[in-house]
Protein backbone atom coordinates (compact mmCIF):
# COMPACT_ATOMS: atom_id res chain seq x y z
CA UNK A 1 83.07 77.33 93.75
CA UNK A 2 80.50 78.95 95.98
CA UNK A 3 80.63 81.14 99.03
CA UNK A 4 79.19 79.54 102.15
CA UNK A 5 77.93 81.82 104.93
CA UNK A 6 78.45 79.86 108.13
CA UNK A 7 77.62 81.40 111.47
CA UNK A 8 78.11 78.51 113.90
CA UNK A 9 80.35 75.48 114.15
CA UNK A 10 77.44 73.04 114.28
CA UNK A 11 76.50 73.72 110.67
CA UNK A 12 80.07 73.98 109.37
CA UNK A 13 80.67 70.27 108.86
CA UNK A 14 77.34 69.59 107.15
CA UNK A 15 77.79 72.51 104.77
CA UNK A 16 81.36 71.52 103.86
CA UNK A 17 80.28 67.88 103.41
CA UNK A 18 77.41 68.92 101.13
CA UNK A 19 79.73 71.13 99.12
CA UNK A 20 82.23 68.29 98.77
CA UNK A 21 79.52 66.11 97.22
CA UNK A 22 78.97 68.64 94.46
CA UNK A 23 81.11 67.80 91.40
CA UNK A 24 83.98 70.17 90.61
CA UNK A 25 83.32 72.32 93.62
CA UNK A 26 85.43 74.26 96.06
CA UNK A 27 85.19 76.49 99.07
CA UNK A 28 85.72 80.23 99.41
CA UNK A 29 86.12 81.48 102.97
CA UNK A 30 85.09 85.09 103.44
CA UNK A 31 87.12 87.48 105.56
CA UNK A 32 85.18 87.86 108.78
CA UNK A 33 85.72 87.24 112.47
CA UNK A 34 83.98 83.83 112.46
CA UNK A 35 86.20 82.37 109.74
CA UNK A 36 89.29 83.93 111.30
CA UNK A 37 88.59 82.39 114.71
CA UNK A 38 87.75 78.98 113.20
CA UNK A 39 90.40 78.93 110.47
CA UNK A 40 92.06 75.71 111.66
CA UNK A 41 88.70 73.91 111.82
CA UNK A 42 87.68 75.15 108.38
CA UNK A 43 91.01 74.13 106.84
CA UNK A 44 90.80 70.70 108.54
CA UNK A 45 87.25 70.14 107.24
CA UNK A 46 88.23 71.15 103.72
CA UNK A 47 91.18 68.72 103.87
CA UNK A 48 89.08 65.91 105.35
CA UNK A 49 86.49 66.23 102.59
CA UNK A 50 89.22 66.80 99.95
CA UNK A 51 87.74 70.14 99.00
CA UNK A 52 90.01 72.78 97.43
CA UNK A 53 89.60 76.05 99.29
CA UNK A 54 90.71 79.65 98.92
CA UNK A 55 91.11 81.83 101.98
CA UNK A 56 91.44 85.59 102.56
CA UNK A 57 94.63 85.75 104.66
CA UNK A 58 97.96 83.94 105.01
CA UNK A 59 97.06 82.58 108.47
CA UNK A 60 94.63 80.17 106.80
CA UNK A 61 97.32 78.64 104.57
CA UNK A 62 99.63 78.40 107.54
CA UNK A 63 96.84 76.51 109.38
CA UNK A 64 96.67 73.95 106.54
CA UNK A 65 94.53 75.72 103.95
CA UNK A 66 95.37 75.27 100.28
CA UNK A 67 95.71 78.85 99.06
CA UNK A 68 95.22 82.33 100.41
CA UNK A 69 95.11 85.63 98.60
CA UNK A 70 94.32 88.88 100.31
CA UNK A 71 95.58 92.17 101.55
CA UNK A 72 98.57 92.31 103.85
CA UNK A 73 97.03 93.12 107.22
CA UNK A 74 100.31 94.26 108.76
CA UNK A 75 100.78 96.78 105.96
CA UNK A 76 97.23 98.05 106.55
CA UNK A 77 97.93 98.58 110.24
CA UNK A 78 101.10 100.49 109.45
CA UNK A 79 99.18 102.75 107.10
CA UNK A 80 96.49 103.36 109.73
CA UNK A 81 99.18 104.78 112.00
CA UNK A 82 99.73 107.58 109.48
CA UNK A 83 96.02 108.43 109.62
CA UNK A 84 96.02 108.43 113.42
CA UNK A 85 99.03 110.75 113.41
CA UNK A 86 97.29 113.14 111.02
CA UNK A 87 94.12 113.18 113.15
CA UNK A 88 96.09 113.75 116.36
CA UNK A 89 97.81 116.68 114.66
CA UNK A 90 94.43 118.27 113.92
CA UNK A 91 93.27 116.90 110.57
CA UNK A 92 89.52 116.42 110.22
CA UNK A 93 88.83 112.69 109.64
CA UNK A 94 86.13 113.40 107.05
CA UNK A 95 88.65 115.35 104.97
CA UNK A 96 91.21 112.51 104.84
CA UNK A 97 91.15 110.52 101.61
CA UNK A 98 89.78 107.00 101.62
CA UNK A 99 92.51 104.47 100.97
CA UNK A 100 92.35 100.95 99.66
CA UNK A 101 94.85 98.21 100.46
CA UNK A 102 97.94 98.42 98.28
CA UNK A 103 99.85 95.31 99.27
CA UNK A 104 98.44 91.84 98.62
CA UNK A 105 99.94 88.43 99.28
CA UNK A 106 99.50 84.99 97.74
CA UNK A 107 100.39 82.03 99.95
CA UNK A 108 100.25 78.42 98.72
CA UNK A 109 100.44 75.34 100.91
CA UNK A 110 102.09 72.60 98.81
CA UNK A 111 101.51 69.95 101.48
CA UNK A 112 97.78 70.52 101.20
CA UNK A 113 97.92 70.58 97.40
CA UNK A 114 99.67 67.21 97.38
CA UNK A 115 97.18 65.77 99.89
CA UNK A 116 94.36 66.88 97.55
CA UNK A 117 96.13 65.38 94.55
CA UNK A 118 96.58 68.75 92.87
CA UNK A 119 99.59 69.68 90.80
CA UNK A 120 100.21 73.40 90.68
CA UNK A 121 102.00 75.03 87.79
CA UNK A 122 105.46 76.46 88.25
CA UNK A 123 104.19 79.83 87.00
CA UNK A 124 101.61 79.94 89.82
CA UNK A 125 104.23 78.94 92.38
CA UNK A 126 106.54 81.64 91.04
CA UNK A 127 103.83 84.27 91.63
CA UNK A 128 103.40 83.25 95.26
CA UNK A 129 104.79 85.46 97.98
CA UNK A 130 105.23 82.38 100.16
CA UNK A 131 105.12 78.65 99.44
CA UNK A 132 104.67 76.31 102.39
CA UNK A 133 106.39 72.99 101.66
């Protein structure tokens, strides 16, 4: 599996097609604004070329992607509110501790797995926070 930096839709299809022609390959979508905006297109290309793909957020699996694993964005936004409150009450931003995400979610799209001819273990499905059937 390799990471593919794509910056425009014109090159997306050719890169995914080339990756699909590589034996035992897959696709890893990075968390950035381009992939987020084009998540449905990326998931559709991966499905069309029968390429297993892993995505950073649950929205990708809900758009037809195979599997997503990443931090829970809603939880991050809730935690940011605490920082904003502390700053508004006079805390110096540079003195606030740096925090990393604490809540992660695994979402699996079984429809996509079946379309790719993949059988996923029950132990993997049991670990998932959400399974799309």
